[in-house]
């Protein structure tokens, strides 16, 4: 995991209220930790949370690990 991080984005109906990274306890170089986000809904309708796991200085190639969560927010 050395140098890699999650680059996340949300649609306008979601708001990231907390972004927390808990490092590994093993002490091993490159060991993965736990990353959590708290999200608040602000608008109804179909909303998306997406992320790409990559090194921020490298170009997107399409081979990165990615995540997409679609949420249907109702009033």
C-alpha atoms as a PDB file:
ATOM      1  CA  UNK A   1       0.000   0.000   0.000  1.00  0.00           C
ATOM      2  CA  UNK A   2       3.021   2.305   0.004  1.00  0.00           C
ATOM      3  CA  UNK A   3       2.007   5.577  -1.615  1.00  0.00           C
ATOM      4  CA  UNK A   4      -1.510   4.423  -2.439  1.00  0.00           C
ATOM      5  CA  UNK A   5      -4.616   6.165  -1.130  1.00  0.00           C
ATOM      6  CA  UNK A   6      -8.320   6.400  -1.877  1.00  0.00           C
ATOM      7  CA  UNK A   7      -9.361   9.340  -4.056  1.00  0.00           C
ATOM      8  CA  UNK A   8     -13.102   9.648  -3.359  1.00  0.00           C
ATOM      9  CA  UNK A   9     -15.896  11.835  -4.652  1.00  0.00           C
ATOM     10  CA  UNK A  10     -19.616  12.200  -4.027  1.00  0.00           C
ATOM     11  CA  UNK A  11     -22.507  13.680  -5.985  1.00  0.00           C
ATOM     12  CA  UNK A  12     -24.066  16.957  -4.853  1.00  0.00           C
ATOM     13  CA  UNK A  13     -26.700  15.205  -2.708  1.00  0.00           C
ATOM     14  CA  UNK A  14     -24.089  13.696  -0.380  1.00  0.00           C
ATOM     15  CA  UNK A  15     -21.693  15.406   2.020  1.00  0.00           C
ATOM     16  CA  UNK A  16     -18.611  13.720   3.524  1.00  0.00           C
ATOM     17  CA  UNK A  17     -18.715  14.721   7.206  1.00  0.00           C
ATOM     18  CA  UNK A  18     -15.773  12.631   8.432  1.00  0.00           C
ATOM     19  CA  UNK A  19     -12.749  11.074   6.716  1.00  0.00           C
ATOM     20  CA  UNK A  20     -10.706   8.871   9.045  1.00  0.00           C
ATOM     21  CA  UNK A  21      -7.678   6.646   8.430  1.00  0.00           C
ATOM     22  CA  UNK A  22      -6.644   4.149  11.107  1.00  0.00           C
ATOM     23  CA  UNK A  23      -3.069   2.970  10.461  1.00  0.00           C
ATOM     24  CA  UNK A  24      -2.112  -0.694  10.837  1.00  0.00           C
ATOM     25  CA  UNK A  25      -0.853  -1.900  14.197  1.00  0.00           C
ATOM     26  CA  UNK A  26       1.590  -4.427  12.723  1.00  0.00           C
ATOM     27  CA  UNK A  27       4.377  -1.900  12.154  1.00  0.00           C
ATOM     28  CA  UNK A  28       5.172  -3.462   8.758  1.00  0.00           C
ATOM     29  CA  UNK A  29       6.096  -1.032   5.993  1.00  0.00           C
ATOM     30  CA  UNK A  30       3.318  -0.930   3.396  1.00  0.00           C
ATOM     31  CA  UNK A  31       0.767  -2.703   5.599  1.00  0.00           C
ATOM     32  CA  UNK A  32      -2.819  -1.607   5.005  1.00  0.00           C
ATOM     33  CA  UNK A  33      -4.944   0.242   7.503  1.00  0.00           C
ATOM     34  CA  UNK A  34      -8.645   1.005   7.635  1.00  0.00           C
ATOM     35  CA  UNK A  35     -10.231   4.041   5.990  1.00  0.00           C
ATOM     36  CA  UNK A  36     -13.763   5.129   6.887  1.00  0.00           C
ATOM     37  CA  UNK A  37     -16.012   7.929   5.685  1.00  0.00           C
ATOM     38  CA  UNK A  38     -19.166   9.266   7.304  1.00  0.00           C
ATOM     39  CA  UNK A  39     -21.642  10.617   4.779  1.00  0.00           C
ATOM     40  CA  UNK A  40     -24.725  12.789   5.235  1.00  0.00           C
ATOM     41  CA  UNK A  41     -27.483  12.942   2.643  1.00  0.00           C
ATOM     42  CA  UNK A  42     -28.541  16.448   1.629  1.00  0.00           C
ATOM     43  CA  UNK A  43     -30.838  15.852  -1.374  1.00  0.00           C
ATOM     44  CA  UNK A  44     -33.248  13.146  -2.469  1.00  0.00           C
ATOM     45  CA  UNK A  45     -32.718  11.103  -5.607  1.00  0.00           C
ATOM     46  CA  UNK A  46     -30.012   8.777  -6.897  1.00  0.00           C
ATOM     47  CA  UNK A  47     -26.637   9.710  -5.361  1.00  0.00           C
ATOM     48  CA  UNK A  48     -23.169   8.181  -5.766  1.00  0.00           C
ATOM     49  CA  UNK A  49     -20.048   7.674  -3.677  1.00  0.00           C
ATOM     50  CA  UNK A  50     -17.059   6.615  -5.790  1.00  0.00           C
ATOM     51  CA  UNK A  51     -13.407   5.980  -5.136  1.00  0.00           C
ATOM     52  CA  UNK A  52     -10.211   5.026  -6.939  1.00  0.00           C
ATOM     53  CA  UNK A  53      -7.297   3.439  -5.054  1.00  0.00           C
ATOM     54  CA  UNK A  54      -4.138   4.823  -6.616  1.00  0.00           C
ATOM     55  CA  UNK A  55      -0.973   6.806  -6.150  1.00  0.00           C
ATOM     56  CA  UNK A  56      -1.979  10.474  -6.482  1.00  0.00           C
ATOM     57  CA  UNK A  57       1.006  11.355  -8.687  1.00  0.00           C
ATOM     58  CA  UNK A  58       0.242   8.653 -11.283  1.00  0.00           C
ATOM     59  CA  UNK A  59      -2.192   8.916 -14.186  1.00  0.00           C
ATOM     60  CA  UNK A  60      -5.404   6.879 -14.165  1.00  0.00           C
ATOM     61  CA  UNK A  61      -4.945   3.821 -16.403  1.00  0.00           C
ATOM     62  CA  UNK A  62      -8.243   2.005 -15.845  1.00  0.00           C
ATOM     63  CA  UNK A  63      -6.538  -0.877 -14.016  1.00  0.00           C
ATOM     64  CA  UNK A  64      -6.893   0.686 -10.561  1.00  0.00           C
ATOM     65  CA  UNK A  65      -9.083  -0.760  -7.835  1.00  0.00           C
ATOM     66  CA  UNK A  66     -12.290   1.234  -7.822  1.00  0.00           C
ATOM     67  CA  UNK A  67     -15.494   1.336  -5.830  1.00  0.00           C
ATOM     68  CA  UNK A  68     -18.940   2.714  -6.673  1.00  0.00           C
ATOM     69  CA  UNK A  69     -21.880   2.911  -4.282  1.00  0.00           C
ATOM     70  CA  UNK A  70     -25.245   4.108  -5.576  1.00  0.00           C
ATOM     71  CA  UNK A  71     -27.759   5.295  -3.005  1.00  0.00           C
ATOM     72  CA  UNK A  72     -31.419   6.095  -3.660  1.00  0.00           C
ATOM     73  CA  UNK A  73     -32.220   8.793  -1.110  1.00  0.00           C
ATOM     74  CA  UNK A  74     -35.932   9.200  -0.351  1.00  0.00           C
ATOM     75  CA  UNK A  75     -37.593  11.916   1.710  1.00  0.00           C
END
